[in-house]
């Protein structure tokens, strides 16, 4: 799986306006909804938030990967947001989040969802890559980092 296949360039927001966890998740879902990547933003918000209530997706090192499956997702899709200021996310290392990568997929695409989570997690294990993402000044720069990391251009 290539991240560029599921990360539309117009699904990155730098900076996010949100100042807390649920608002940040909602803002990214609203971005996907406004771009037509999801059919029912409120239903997807409920699905992602229900998943978040089970266990925080703040995985540490300034990163959160909230995710959910819903029939409102047209395909496995990512949205990325960089908050203006780090956000408290209930992360396992108790540090605030500097980058939020939202992953959504149709309810029946479990294997693809898990594969995408693994791919994002592996990519983000690089301290140098994470740092570059945290330092990105705008959405275009952030997308370019992922494009270079994946070694190519997105599928048309």
N, C-alpha and C. Protein backbone atom coordinates (compact mmCIF):
# COMPACT_ATOMS: atom_id res chain seq x y z
N UNK A 1 0.84 -1.19 0.00
CA UNK A 1 0.00 0.00 0.00
C UNK A 1 0.88 1.25 0.00
N UNK A 2 0.49 2.20 -0.79
CA UNK A 2 1.18 3.47 -0.85
C UNK A 2 0.27 4.53 -0.20
N UNK A 3 0.81 5.27 0.73
CA UNK A 3 0.06 6.31 1.43
C UNK A 3 -0.57 7.29 0.44
N UNK A 4 0.11 7.55 -0.66
CA UNK A 4 -0.40 8.51 -1.64
C UNK A 4 -1.69 8.04 -2.29
N UNK A 5 -1.96 6.74 -2.22
CA UNK A 5 -3.22 6.23 -2.77
C UNK A 5 -4.41 6.57 -1.88
N UNK A 6 -4.16 6.90 -0.62
CA UNK A 6 -5.27 7.18 0.30
C UNK A 6 -5.20 8.59 0.92
N UNK A 7 -4.16 9.35 0.58
CA UNK A 7 -4.02 10.70 1.12
C UNK A 7 -4.20 11.72 0.00
N UNK A 8 -5.41 12.28 -0.13
CA UNK A 8 -5.61 13.32 -1.14
C UNK A 8 -4.89 14.60 -0.72
N UNK A 9 -4.23 15.29 -1.64
CA UNK A 9 -3.53 16.52 -1.29
C UNK A 9 -4.45 17.58 -0.66
N UNK A 10 -5.73 17.53 -1.00
CA UNK A 10 -6.66 18.53 -0.44
C UNK A 10 -7.27 18.10 0.89
N UNK A 11 -6.75 17.04 1.48
CA UNK A 11 -7.22 16.57 2.79
C UNK A 11 -6.18 16.80 3.88
N UNK A 12 -5.40 17.84 3.70
CA UNK A 12 -4.38 18.22 4.69
C UNK A 12 -4.67 19.66 5.11
N UNK A 13 -4.68 19.89 6.42
CA UNK A 13 -4.96 21.24 6.90
C UNK A 13 -3.88 21.69 7.88
N UNK A 14 -3.22 22.77 7.52
CA UNK A 14 -2.18 23.39 8.34
C UNK A 14 -2.43 24.89 8.35
N UNK A 15 -2.79 25.45 9.48
CA UNK A 15 -3.02 24.80 10.77
C UNK A 15 -4.49 24.44 10.95
N UNK A 16 -4.71 23.50 11.87
CA UNK A 16 -6.08 23.23 12.32
C UNK A 16 -6.50 24.38 13.22
N UNK A 17 -7.77 24.70 13.20
CA UNK A 17 -8.31 25.74 14.08
C UNK A 17 -8.61 25.19 15.47
N UNK A 18 -8.90 23.90 15.55
CA UNK A 18 -9.31 23.26 16.80
C UNK A 18 -8.23 23.39 17.88
N UNK A 19 -8.72 23.46 19.11
CA UNK A 19 -7.80 23.55 20.25
C UNK A 19 -7.96 22.38 21.22
N UNK A 20 -8.86 21.45 20.90
CA UNK A 20 -8.98 20.25 21.73
C UNK A 20 -9.28 19.03 20.85
N UNK A 21 -9.12 17.89 21.46
CA UNK A 21 -9.15 16.60 20.77
C UNK A 21 -10.39 16.38 19.90
N UNK A 22 -11.58 16.43 20.47
CA UNK A 22 -12.77 16.11 19.69
C UNK A 22 -12.98 17.12 18.56
N UNK A 23 -12.71 18.38 18.83
CA UNK A 23 -12.86 19.40 17.78
C UNK A 23 -11.86 19.16 16.65
N UNK A 24 -10.67 18.69 16.96
CA UNK A 24 -9.68 18.41 15.92
C UNK A 24 -10.12 17.25 15.04
N UNK A 25 -10.63 16.19 15.67
CA UNK A 25 -11.14 15.05 14.91
C UNK A 25 -12.30 15.51 14.03
N UNK A 26 -13.22 16.27 14.61
CA UNK A 26 -14.37 16.77 13.85
C UNK A 26 -13.93 17.63 12.67
N UNK A 27 -12.93 18.48 12.89
CA UNK A 27 -12.47 19.36 11.82
C UNK A 27 -11.91 18.57 10.64
N UNK A 28 -11.19 17.50 10.93
CA UNK A 28 -10.65 16.68 9.85
C UNK A 28 -11.76 15.92 9.12
N UNK A 29 -12.74 15.44 9.86
CA UNK A 29 -13.87 14.75 9.22
C UNK A 29 -14.67 15.74 8.37
N UNK A 30 -14.86 16.96 8.86
CA UNK A 30 -15.55 17.98 8.08
C UNK A 30 -14.79 18.31 6.80
N UNK A 31 -13.47 18.30 6.86
CA UNK A 31 -12.66 18.51 5.67
C UNK A 31 -12.92 17.41 4.64
N UNK A 32 -12.91 16.16 5.09
CA UNK A 32 -13.18 15.04 4.18
C UNK A 32 -14.60 15.12 3.62
N UNK A 33 -15.53 15.50 4.46
CA UNK A 33 -16.92 15.62 4.03
C UNK A 33 -17.09 16.73 2.99
N UNK A 34 -16.48 17.87 3.25
CA UNK A 34 -16.58 19.01 2.32
C UNK A 34 -15.98 18.68 0.96
N UNK A 35 -14.98 17.80 0.93
CA UNK A 35 -14.32 17.44 -0.32
C UNK A 35 -15.00 16.25 -1.01
N UNK A 36 -16.03 15.69 -0.37
CA UNK A 36 -16.77 14.59 -0.96
C UNK A 36 -16.19 13.21 -0.74
N UNK A 37 -15.24 13.07 0.17
CA UNK A 37 -14.63 11.77 0.43
C UNK A 37 -15.47 10.91 1.36
N UNK A 38 -16.41 11.53 2.08
CA UNK A 38 -17.34 10.81 2.94
C UNK A 38 -18.75 11.33 2.65
N UNK A 39 -19.74 10.46 2.84
CA UNK A 39 -21.11 10.82 2.51
C UNK A 39 -21.91 11.32 3.71
N UNK A 40 -21.50 10.96 4.92
CA UNK A 40 -22.26 11.32 6.12
C UNK A 40 -21.27 11.68 7.22
N UNK A 41 -20.89 12.97 7.26
CA UNK A 41 -19.92 13.43 8.25
C UNK A 41 -20.34 13.15 9.68
N UNK A 42 -21.59 13.46 10.09
CA UNK A 42 -22.01 13.19 11.47
C UNK A 42 -21.89 11.71 11.86
N UNK A 43 -22.26 10.80 10.96
CA UNK A 43 -22.15 9.37 11.27
C UNK A 43 -20.69 8.97 11.43
N UNK A 44 -19.83 9.52 10.59
CA UNK A 44 -18.41 9.20 10.70
C UNK A 44 -17.82 9.77 11.99
N UNK A 45 -18.24 10.97 12.35
CA UNK A 45 -17.79 11.55 13.63
C UNK A 45 -18.14 10.62 14.79
N UNK A 46 -19.36 10.10 14.78
CA UNK A 46 -19.78 9.18 15.85
C UNK A 46 -18.90 7.93 15.86
N UNK A 47 -18.63 7.36 14.68
CA UNK A 47 -17.84 6.14 14.60
C UNK A 47 -16.41 6.36 15.10
N UNK A 48 -15.79 7.46 14.67
CA UNK A 48 -14.41 7.74 15.08
C UNK A 48 -14.36 8.06 16.58
N UNK A 49 -15.34 8.83 17.05
CA UNK A 49 -15.33 9.19 18.46
C UNK A 49 -15.60 7.98 19.35
N UNK A 50 -16.49 7.07 18.92
CA UNK A 50 -16.72 5.84 19.68
C UNK A 50 -15.43 5.04 19.79
N UNK A 51 -14.68 4.96 18.69
CA UNK A 51 -13.39 4.25 18.72
C UNK A 51 -12.43 4.96 19.67
N UNK A 52 -12.43 6.28 19.64
CA UNK A 52 -11.51 7.05 20.49
C UNK A 52 -11.84 6.86 21.97
N UNK A 53 -13.10 6.67 22.29
CA UNK A 53 -13.51 6.47 23.68
C UNK A 53 -13.03 5.13 24.24
N UNK A 54 -12.80 4.16 23.36
CA UNK A 54 -12.31 2.85 23.80
C UNK A 54 -10.87 2.94 24.29
N UNK A 55 -10.08 3.72 23.58
CA UNK A 55 -8.66 3.89 23.91
C UNK A 55 -8.12 5.03 23.07
N UNK A 56 -7.38 5.92 23.69
CA UNK A 56 -6.84 7.07 22.97
C UNK A 56 -5.93 6.63 21.83
N UNK A 57 -6.04 7.34 20.73
CA UNK A 57 -5.18 7.06 19.58
C UNK A 57 -3.97 7.98 19.57
N UNK A 58 -3.75 8.68 20.68
CA UNK A 58 -2.52 9.44 20.85
C UNK A 58 -1.42 8.44 21.15
N UNK A 59 -0.61 8.13 20.15
CA UNK A 59 0.35 7.03 20.28
C UNK A 59 1.69 7.45 20.84
N UNK A 60 1.86 8.74 21.10
CA UNK A 60 3.11 9.21 21.68
C UNK A 60 3.96 9.96 20.68
N UNK A 61 5.00 10.60 21.20
CA UNK A 61 5.93 11.35 20.36
C UNK A 61 5.25 12.46 19.56
N UNK A 62 4.12 12.99 20.09
CA UNK A 62 3.45 14.11 19.43
C UNK A 62 2.50 13.71 18.31
N UNK A 63 2.19 12.42 18.20
CA UNK A 63 1.39 11.92 17.10
C UNK A 63 0.10 11.26 17.58
N UNK A 64 -0.99 11.51 16.86
CA UNK A 64 -2.25 10.81 17.08
C UNK A 64 -2.74 10.27 15.74
N UNK A 65 -3.30 9.07 15.78
CA UNK A 65 -3.85 8.46 14.57
C UNK A 65 -5.29 8.00 14.87
N UNK A 66 -6.21 8.95 15.01
CA UNK A 66 -7.60 8.54 15.19
C UNK A 66 -8.09 7.84 13.93
N UNK A 67 -8.97 6.87 14.12
CA UNK A 67 -9.43 6.11 12.96
C UNK A 67 -10.80 5.51 13.23
N UNK A 68 -11.46 5.16 12.15
CA UNK A 68 -12.76 4.52 12.28
C UNK A 68 -13.23 3.97 10.96
N UNK A 69 -14.19 3.04 11.07
CA UNK A 69 -14.80 2.43 9.90
C UNK A 69 -16.27 2.81 9.88
N UNK A 70 -16.78 3.14 8.69
CA UNK A 70 -18.16 3.55 8.56
C UNK A 70 -18.61 3.41 7.12
N UNK A 71 -19.88 3.14 6.94
CA UNK A 71 -20.42 3.07 5.58
C UNK A 71 -20.40 4.44 4.91
N UNK A 72 -20.19 5.51 5.68
CA UNK A 72 -20.14 6.85 5.08
C UNK A 72 -18.80 7.14 4.40
N UNK A 73 -17.79 6.31 4.65
CA UNK A 73 -16.50 6.47 3.97
C UNK A 73 -16.59 5.81 2.59
N UNK A 74 -16.27 6.56 1.54
CA UNK A 74 -16.35 6.02 0.18
C UNK A 74 -15.23 5.02 -0.09
N UNK A 75 -14.07 5.26 0.52
CA UNK A 75 -12.90 4.40 0.34
C UNK A 75 -11.99 4.65 1.54
N UNK A 76 -10.96 3.86 1.64
CA UNK A 76 -9.96 4.10 2.69
C UNK A 76 -9.29 5.43 2.37
N UNK A 77 -9.39 6.38 3.31
CA UNK A 77 -8.92 7.74 3.07
C UNK A 77 -8.28 8.31 4.32
N UNK A 78 -7.27 9.14 4.13
CA UNK A 78 -6.61 9.83 5.23
C UNK A 78 -6.83 11.33 5.13
N UNK A 79 -6.81 11.97 6.29
CA UNK A 79 -6.73 13.42 6.38
C UNK A 79 -5.69 13.72 7.44
N UNK A 80 -4.94 14.78 7.25
CA UNK A 80 -3.89 15.14 8.20
C UNK A 80 -4.09 16.58 8.63
N UNK A 81 -3.93 16.80 9.93
CA UNK A 81 -4.02 18.15 10.46
C UNK A 81 -2.88 18.43 11.41
N UNK A 82 -2.38 19.64 11.32
CA UNK A 82 -1.33 20.09 12.23
C UNK A 82 -1.92 21.25 13.04
N UNK A 83 -2.13 21.04 14.34
CA UNK A 83 -2.71 22.10 15.16
C UNK A 83 -1.80 23.32 15.26
N UNK A 84 -2.42 24.49 15.46
CA UNK A 84 -1.63 25.71 15.68
C UNK A 84 -0.72 25.53 16.88
N UNK A 85 -1.28 24.98 17.93
CA UNK A 85 -0.55 24.67 19.16
C UNK A 85 -0.80 23.21 19.48
N UNK A 86 0.16 22.52 20.12
CA UNK A 86 -0.07 21.12 20.47
C UNK A 86 -1.36 20.96 21.29
N UNK A 87 -2.04 19.83 21.06
CA UNK A 87 -3.33 19.54 21.69
C UNK A 87 -3.20 18.37 22.65
N UNK A 88 -3.79 18.50 23.83
CA UNK A 88 -3.87 17.39 24.77
C UNK A 88 -4.75 16.31 24.14
N UNK A 89 -4.24 15.08 24.09
CA UNK A 89 -4.95 14.01 23.40
C UNK A 89 -5.07 12.74 24.23
N UNK A 90 -4.58 12.79 25.48
CA UNK A 90 -4.59 11.57 26.29
C UNK A 90 -3.60 10.55 25.78
N UNK A 91 -2.49 11.03 25.24
CA UNK A 91 -1.48 10.16 24.65
C UNK A 91 -0.82 9.26 25.68
N UNK A 92 -0.30 8.13 25.22
CA UNK A 92 0.30 7.18 26.14
C UNK A 92 1.53 7.74 26.85
N UNK A 93 2.22 8.69 26.22
CA UNK A 93 3.38 9.30 26.87
C UNK A 93 3.02 10.62 27.58
N UNK A 94 1.74 10.92 27.61
CA UNK A 94 1.19 12.12 28.27
C UNK A 94 1.68 13.44 27.68
N UNK A 95 2.21 13.37 26.46
CA UNK A 95 2.65 14.59 25.77
C UNK A 95 1.56 15.03 24.80
N UNK A 96 1.44 16.35 24.58
CA UNK A 96 0.43 16.82 23.64
C UNK A 96 0.77 16.43 22.20
N UNK A 97 -0.24 16.47 21.36
CA UNK A 97 -0.15 16.03 19.97
C UNK A 97 0.19 17.20 19.06
N UNK A 98 1.12 16.97 18.16
CA UNK A 98 1.55 18.00 17.20
C UNK A 98 1.10 17.69 15.78
N UNK A 99 0.65 16.45 15.54
CA UNK A 99 0.19 16.05 14.22
C UNK A 99 -0.90 15.00 14.41
N UNK A 100 -2.00 15.17 13.66
CA UNK A 100 -3.12 14.23 13.74
C UNK A 100 -3.34 13.65 12.35
N UNK A 101 -3.28 12.33 12.28
CA UNK A 101 -3.51 11.63 11.02
C UNK A 101 -4.79 10.82 11.19
N UNK A 102 -5.84 11.24 10.53
CA UNK A 102 -7.13 10.57 10.59
C UNK A 102 -7.22 9.55 9.46
N UNK A 103 -7.61 8.34 9.80
CA UNK A 103 -7.79 7.29 8.81
C UNK A 103 -9.23 6.79 8.91
N UNK A 104 -9.93 6.82 7.79
CA UNK A 104 -11.30 6.30 7.75
C UNK A 104 -11.43 5.34 6.59
N UNK A 105 -12.29 4.35 6.77
CA UNK A 105 -12.52 3.40 5.69
C UNK A 105 -13.92 2.82 5.80
N UNK A 106 -14.41 2.26 4.69
CA UNK A 106 -15.71 1.61 4.72
C UNK A 106 -15.72 0.46 5.74
N UNK A 107 -16.86 0.21 6.31
CA UNK A 107 -16.97 -0.81 7.36
C UNK A 107 -16.54 -2.20 6.90
N UNK A 108 -16.67 -2.47 5.60
CA UNK A 108 -16.33 -3.80 5.09
C UNK A 108 -14.88 -3.92 4.59
N UNK A 109 -14.07 -2.92 4.81
CA UNK A 109 -12.68 -2.93 4.31
C UNK A 109 -11.69 -3.07 5.47
N UNK A 110 -11.88 -4.05 6.33
CA UNK A 110 -11.10 -4.21 7.55
C UNK A 110 -9.62 -4.45 7.24
N UNK A 111 -9.33 -5.34 6.31
CA UNK A 111 -7.92 -5.66 6.00
C UNK A 111 -7.19 -4.43 5.48
N UNK A 112 -7.83 -3.68 4.58
CA UNK A 112 -7.21 -2.48 4.04
C UNK A 112 -6.99 -1.43 5.14
N UNK A 113 -7.95 -1.32 6.04
CA UNK A 113 -7.85 -0.38 7.16
C UNK A 113 -6.64 -0.72 8.04
N UNK A 114 -6.50 -1.98 8.37
CA UNK A 114 -5.39 -2.42 9.22
C UNK A 114 -4.06 -2.23 8.49
N UNK A 115 -4.03 -2.53 7.21
CA UNK A 115 -2.81 -2.34 6.42
C UNK A 115 -2.42 -0.86 6.39
N UNK A 116 -3.39 0.02 6.23
CA UNK A 116 -3.10 1.46 6.20
C UNK A 116 -2.60 1.95 7.56
N UNK A 117 -3.21 1.48 8.63
CA UNK A 117 -2.73 1.85 9.97
C UNK A 117 -1.27 1.43 10.16
N UNK A 118 -0.96 0.23 9.73
CA UNK A 118 0.41 -0.27 9.85
C UNK A 118 1.38 0.56 9.03
N UNK A 119 0.99 0.91 7.82
CA UNK A 119 1.86 1.70 6.93
C UNK A 119 2.14 3.07 7.53
N UNK A 120 1.10 3.73 8.02
CA UNK A 120 1.27 5.05 8.64
C UNK A 120 2.16 4.93 9.88
N UNK A 121 1.90 3.94 10.70
CA UNK A 121 2.70 3.75 11.92
C UNK A 121 4.17 3.53 11.61
N UNK A 122 4.44 2.69 10.61
CA UNK A 122 5.85 2.44 10.25
C UNK A 122 6.52 3.70 9.73
N UNK A 123 5.83 4.44 8.89
CA UNK A 123 6.39 5.68 8.34
C UNK A 123 6.70 6.68 9.45
N UNK A 124 5.81 6.76 10.41
CA UNK A 124 5.95 7.76 11.47
C UNK A 124 6.93 7.33 12.58
N UNK A 125 7.50 6.13 12.50
CA UNK A 125 8.48 5.73 13.52
C UNK A 125 9.80 6.45 13.35
N UNK A 126 10.03 7.04 12.19
CA UNK A 126 11.28 7.76 11.95
C UNK A 126 11.26 9.11 12.67
N UNK A 127 12.15 9.31 13.65
CA UNK A 127 12.18 10.60 14.34
C UNK A 127 12.43 11.77 13.39
N UNK A 128 13.25 11.55 12.38
CA UNK A 128 13.56 12.61 11.41
C UNK A 128 12.31 12.97 10.59
N UNK A 129 11.58 11.96 10.14
CA UNK A 129 10.37 12.22 9.36
C UNK A 129 9.33 12.93 10.22
N UNK A 130 9.12 12.43 11.44
CA UNK A 130 8.16 13.08 12.35
C UNK A 130 8.52 14.54 12.57
N UNK A 131 9.76 14.80 12.84
CA UNK A 131 10.22 16.16 13.08
C UNK A 131 9.96 17.05 11.87
N UNK A 132 10.24 16.52 10.68
CA UNK A 132 9.98 17.30 9.46
C UNK A 132 8.49 17.61 9.33
N UNK A 133 7.65 16.65 9.65
CA UNK A 133 6.20 16.88 9.60
C UNK A 133 5.79 17.95 10.60
N UNK A 134 6.33 17.88 11.80
CA UNK A 134 5.98 18.86 12.83
C UNK A 134 6.43 20.26 12.45
N UNK A 135 7.49 20.35 11.65
CA UNK A 135 8.03 21.65 11.24
C UNK A 135 7.41 22.19 9.95
N UNK A 136 6.57 21.39 9.29
CA UNK A 136 5.97 21.82 8.01
C UNK A 136 5.19 23.11 8.20
N UNK A 137 5.39 24.03 7.28
CA UNK A 137 4.76 25.36 7.38
C UNK A 137 3.37 25.41 6.78
N UNK A 138 3.07 24.49 5.83
CA UNK A 138 1.75 24.51 5.21
C UNK A 138 1.40 23.11 4.70
N UNK A 139 0.18 22.99 4.18
CA UNK A 139 -0.32 21.70 3.71
C UNK A 139 0.51 21.15 2.56
N UNK A 140 0.92 22.02 1.64
CA UNK A 140 1.70 21.57 0.48
C UNK A 140 3.04 20.96 0.92
N UNK A 141 3.68 21.60 1.88
CA UNK A 141 4.95 21.08 2.38
C UNK A 141 4.76 19.73 3.06
N UNK A 142 3.69 19.61 3.82
CA UNK A 142 3.41 18.35 4.51
C UNK A 142 3.12 17.23 3.50
N UNK A 143 2.31 17.53 2.48
CA UNK A 143 2.04 16.53 1.44
C UNK A 143 3.33 16.12 0.75
N UNK A 144 4.19 17.08 0.45
CA UNK A 144 5.45 16.79 -0.23
C UNK A 144 6.33 15.85 0.60
N UNK A 145 6.31 16.00 1.91
CA UNK A 145 7.07 15.09 2.77
C UNK A 145 6.59 13.65 2.60
N UNK A 146 5.26 13.48 2.59
CA UNK A 146 4.71 12.14 2.40
C UNK A 146 4.99 11.63 0.99
N UNK A 147 4.91 12.50 0.01
CA UNK A 147 5.19 12.10 -1.38
C UNK A 147 6.61 11.59 -1.51
N UNK A 148 7.56 12.34 -0.95
CA UNK A 148 8.96 11.92 -1.01
C UNK A 148 9.19 10.63 -0.24
N UNK A 149 8.56 10.51 0.93
CA UNK A 149 8.73 9.30 1.73
C UNK A 149 8.20 8.06 1.01
N UNK A 150 7.18 8.25 0.21
CA UNK A 150 6.59 7.16 -0.53
C UNK A 150 7.24 6.95 -1.89
N UNK A 151 8.13 7.88 -2.27
CA UNK A 151 8.92 7.70 -3.48
C UNK A 151 8.16 7.87 -4.78
N UNK A 152 7.18 8.75 -4.79
CA UNK A 152 6.50 8.90 -6.07
C UNK A 152 5.39 9.91 -6.04
N UNK A 153 4.51 9.74 -6.96
CA UNK A 153 3.35 10.63 -7.10
C UNK A 153 2.09 9.82 -6.91
N UNK A 154 1.00 10.47 -6.49
CA UNK A 154 -0.23 9.73 -6.27
C UNK A 154 -0.82 9.21 -7.59
N UNK A 155 -1.61 8.15 -7.46
CA UNK A 155 -2.31 7.64 -8.63
C UNK A 155 -3.31 8.67 -9.12
N UNK A 156 -3.50 8.77 -10.44
CA UNK A 156 -4.52 9.71 -10.95
C UNK A 156 -5.92 9.24 -10.59
